[in-house]
Amino acid sequence: MNTVTELLTKIRLLPESWHGAGTVPHVVLEKLAALLEARHPSVSLETGTGRTTLLFSHLSANHTVFCVDDRAGGNSYGAVRNSELLYAEHKLRAWSDANYTQELRLHRTD
């Protein structure tokens, strides 16, 4: 991806039904992109996955996502994991509902 503007344009083109868990408005993605560009975070963490994950995957040096593997339902995890817009060098972790909270509590970013 050449520029943040290009990335945002491609994310905006994803259909509203891209995954079943809902999405953030475009204005939120734009504000988030501006913040990430200004701050250049070395570490970021997200619970849940979607369009914001695509953005964070390019603008954070080390982005980790904790989410439930919902490929049998809303498919947020599958949609992001399979997206050509995901910078896949970052970690996208999915767990069942049973161990999600435990894994999140134990995660360390150092």
C-alpha atoms as a PDB file:
ATOM      1  CA  MET A   1       0.000   0.000   0.000  1.00  0.00           C
ATOM      2  CA  ASN A   2       1.539   3.285  -1.072  1.00  0.00           C
ATOM      3  CA  THR A   3      -0.289   5.812   1.068  1.00  0.00           C
ATOM      4  CA  VAL A   4      -2.732   5.976   3.927  1.00  0.00           C
ATOM      5  CA  THR A   5      -5.163   7.719   1.585  1.00  0.00           C
ATOM      6  CA  GLU A   6      -5.054   4.717  -0.756  1.00  0.00           C
ATOM      7  CA  LEU A   7      -5.559   2.328   2.132  1.00  0.00           C
ATOM      8  CA  LEU A   8      -8.546   4.300   3.434  1.00  0.00           C
ATOM      9  CA  THR A   9     -10.050   4.397  -0.060  1.00  0.00           C
ATOM     10  CA  LYS A  10      -9.772   0.616  -0.376  1.00  0.00           C
ATOM     11  CA  ILE A  11     -11.252   0.069   3.089  1.00  0.00           C
ATOM     12  CA  ARG A  12     -14.146   2.430   2.261  1.00  0.00           C
ATOM     13  CA  LEU A  13     -14.906   0.340  -0.831  1.00  0.00           C
ATOM     14  CA  LEU A  14     -15.585  -2.760   1.252  1.00  0.00           C
ATOM     15  CA  PRO A  15     -19.335  -3.429   1.288  1.00  0.00           C
ATOM     16  CA  GLU A  16     -21.306  -2.717   4.464  1.00  0.00           C
ATOM     17  CA  SER A  17     -21.995  -6.455   4.597  1.00  0.00           C
ATOM     18  CA  TRP A  18     -18.271  -7.297   4.479  1.00  0.00           C
ATOM     19  CA  HIS A  19     -18.663  -9.112   7.773  1.00  0.00           C
ATOM     20  CA  GLY A  20     -21.614  -9.683  10.061  1.00  0.00           C
ATOM     21  CA  ALA A  21     -20.453  -7.923  13.219  1.00  0.00           C
ATOM     22  CA  GLY A  22     -20.986  -4.357  12.015  1.00  0.00           C
ATOM     23  CA  THR A  23     -18.463  -1.667  11.251  1.00  0.00           C
ATOM     24  CA  VAL A  24     -17.238   1.753  12.294  1.00  0.00           C
ATOM     25  CA  PRO A  25     -18.211   4.816  10.239  1.00  0.00           C
ATOM     26  CA  HIS A  26     -15.734   6.101   7.650  1.00  0.00           C
ATOM     27  CA  VAL A  27     -15.202   9.312   9.624  1.00  0.00           C
ATOM     28  CA  VAL A  28     -13.944   7.227  12.577  1.00  0.00           C
ATOM     29  CA  LEU A  29     -11.469   5.400  10.326  1.00  0.00           C
ATOM     30  CA  GLU A  30     -10.218   8.729   8.985  1.00  0.00           C
ATOM     31  CA  LYS A  31      -9.702  10.195  12.479  1.00  0.00           C
ATOM     32  CA  LEU A  32      -8.045   6.983  13.653  1.00  0.00           C
ATOM     33  CA  ALA A  33      -5.704   7.033  10.638  1.00  0.00           C
ATOM     34  CA  ALA A  34      -4.699  10.616  11.402  1.00  0.00           C
ATOM     35  CA  LEU A  35      -3.934   9.715  15.039  1.00  0.00           C
ATOM     36  CA  LEU A  36      -1.940   6.637  14.082  1.00  0.00           C
ATOM     37  CA  GLU A  37       0.067   8.540  11.475  1.00  0.00           C
ATOM     38  CA  ALA A  38       0.889  11.275  13.980  1.00  0.00           C
ATOM     39  CA  ARG A  39       1.875   8.930  16.815  1.00  0.00           C
ATOM     40  CA  HIS A  40       3.483   5.966  15.015  1.00  0.00           C
ATOM     41  CA  PRO A  41       2.628   3.459  17.767  1.00  0.00           C
ATOM     42  CA  SER A  42       5.181   0.735  18.370  1.00  0.00           C
ATOM     43  CA  VAL A  43       2.576  -1.538  19.976  1.00  0.00           C
ATOM     44  CA  SER A  44      -1.195  -1.632  19.666  1.00  0.00           C
ATOM     45  CA  LEU A  45      -3.845  -4.064  20.821  1.00  0.00           C
ATOM     46  CA  GLU A  46      -7.402  -4.534  19.658  1.00  0.00           C
ATOM     47  CA  THR A  47     -10.253  -6.687  20.877  1.00  0.00           C
ATOM     48  CA  GLY A  48     -12.476  -7.674  18.016  1.00  0.00           C
ATOM     49  CA  THR A  49     -11.537  -7.395  14.373  1.00  0.00           C
ATOM     50  CA  GLY A  50     -12.750  -5.593  11.263  1.00  0.00           C
ATOM     51  CA  ARG A  51     -11.929  -2.500   9.226  1.00  0.00           C
ATOM     52  CA  THR A  52      -9.958  -0.963  12.073  1.00  0.00           C
ATOM     53  CA  THR A  53      -7.710  -4.040  12.068  1.00  0.00           C
ATOM     54  CA  LEU A  54      -6.854  -3.444   8.421  1.00  0.00           C
ATOM     55  CA  LEU A  55      -5.880   0.118   9.276  1.00  0.00           C
ATOM     56  CA  PHE A  56      -3.885  -0.752  12.415  1.00  0.00           C
ATOM     57  CA  SER A  57      -2.059  -3.530  10.550  1.00  0.00           C
ATOM     58  CA  HIS A  58      -0.404  -0.901   8.343  1.00  0.00           C
ATOM     59  CA  LEU A  59       0.036   1.967  10.809  1.00  0.00           C
ATOM     60  CA  SER A  60       1.231   0.262  13.985  1.00  0.00           C
ATOM     61  CA  ALA A  61       4.646  -1.370  14.230  1.00  0.00           C
ATOM     62  CA  ASN A  62       3.285  -4.334  16.196  1.00  0.00           C
ATOM     63  CA  HIS A  63      -0.489  -4.783  16.215  1.00  0.00           C
ATOM     64  CA  THR A  64      -2.135  -7.723  17.965  1.00  0.00           C
ATOM     65  CA  VAL A  65      -5.810  -8.605  17.706  1.00  0.00           C
ATOM     66  CA  PHE A  66      -7.715 -10.774  20.154  1.00  0.00           C
ATOM     67  CA  CYS A  67     -10.982 -12.002  18.727  1.00  0.00           C
ATOM     68  CA  VAL A  68     -13.367 -14.900  18.733  1.00  0.00           C
ATOM     69  CA  ASP A  69     -13.193 -17.206  15.719  1.00  0.00           C
ATOM     70  CA  ASP A  70     -16.641 -16.465  14.335  1.00  0.00           C
ATOM     71  CA  ARG A  71     -16.254 -18.000  10.892  1.00  0.00           C
ATOM     72  CA  ALA A  72     -19.391 -20.058  11.556  1.00  0.00           C
ATOM     73  CA  GLY A  73     -21.359 -16.873  12.374  1.00  0.00           C
ATOM     74  CA  GLY A  74     -20.606 -13.209  11.626  1.00  0.00           C
ATOM     75  CA  ASN A  75     -17.256 -14.042   9.992  1.00  0.00           C
ATOM     76  CA  SER A  76     -15.336 -10.956  11.127  1.00  0.00           C
ATOM     77  CA  TYR A  77     -12.262 -13.094  11.754  1.00  0.00           C
ATOM     78  CA  GLY A  78     -12.425 -14.847   8.383  1.00  0.00           C
ATOM     79  CA  ALA A  79     -13.097 -11.647   6.437  1.00  0.00           C
ATOM     80  CA  VAL A  80     -10.095  -9.869   7.953  1.00  0.00           C
ATOM     81  CA  ARG A  81      -7.803 -12.883   7.854  1.00  0.00           C
ATOM     82  CA  ASN A  82      -8.506 -13.395   4.143  1.00  0.00           C
ATOM     83  CA  SER A  83      -8.407  -9.720   3.153  1.00  0.00           C
ATOM     84  CA  GLU A  84      -5.718  -8.566   0.756  1.00  0.00           C
ATOM     85  CA  LEU A  85      -5.708  -5.327   2.782  1.00  0.00           C
ATOM     86  CA  LEU A  86      -4.412  -7.040   5.940  1.00  0.00           C
ATOM     87  CA  TYR A  87      -0.711  -6.518   6.532  1.00  0.00           C
ATOM     88  CA  ALA A  88      -0.328 -10.091   7.710  1.00  0.00           C
ATOM     89  CA  GLU A  89       3.008  -9.656   9.474  1.00  0.00           C
ATOM     90  CA  HIS A  90       0.980  -8.698  12.532  1.00  0.00           C
ATOM     91  CA  LYS A  91      -0.764 -11.090  14.861  1.00  0.00           C
ATOM     92  CA  LEU A  92      -4.403 -11.957  14.410  1.00  0.00           C
ATOM     93  CA  ARG A  93      -5.371 -14.390  17.155  1.00  0.00           C
ATOM     94  CA  ALA A  94      -8.709 -16.087  17.510  1.00  0.00           C
ATOM     95  CA  TRP A  95     -10.025 -18.153  20.373  1.00  0.00           C
ATOM     96  CA  SER A  96     -13.204 -19.839  21.364  1.00  0.00           C
ATOM     97  CA  ASP A  97     -15.455 -17.964  23.778  1.00  0.00           C
ATOM     98  CA  ALA A  98     -14.292 -20.227  26.614  1.00  0.00           C
ATOM     99  CA  ASN A  99     -10.641 -19.171  26.670  1.00  0.00           C
ATOM    100  CA  TYR A 100     -10.795 -15.688  25.107  1.00  0.00           C
ATOM    101  CA  THR A 101     -10.791 -13.735  28.389  1.00  0.00           C
ATOM    102  CA  GLN A 102      -8.094 -15.919  29.944  1.00  0.00           C
ATOM    103  CA  GLU A 103      -5.756 -15.487  26.962  1.00  0.00           C
ATOM    104  CA  LEU A 104      -6.351 -11.747  26.829  1.00  0.00           C
ATOM    105  CA  ARG A 105      -5.554 -11.424  30.537  1.00  0.00           C
ATOM    106  CA  LEU A 106      -2.293 -13.317  30.115  1.00  0.00           C
ATOM    107  CA  HIS A 107      -1.049 -11.495  27.009  1.00  0.00           C
ATOM    108  CA  ARG A 108       2.101  -9.432  27.367  1.00  0.00           C
ATOM    109  CA  THR A 109       3.280  -6.922  24.772  1.00  0.00           C
ATOM    110  CA  ASP A 110       6.960  -6.942  25.708  1.00  0.00           C
END
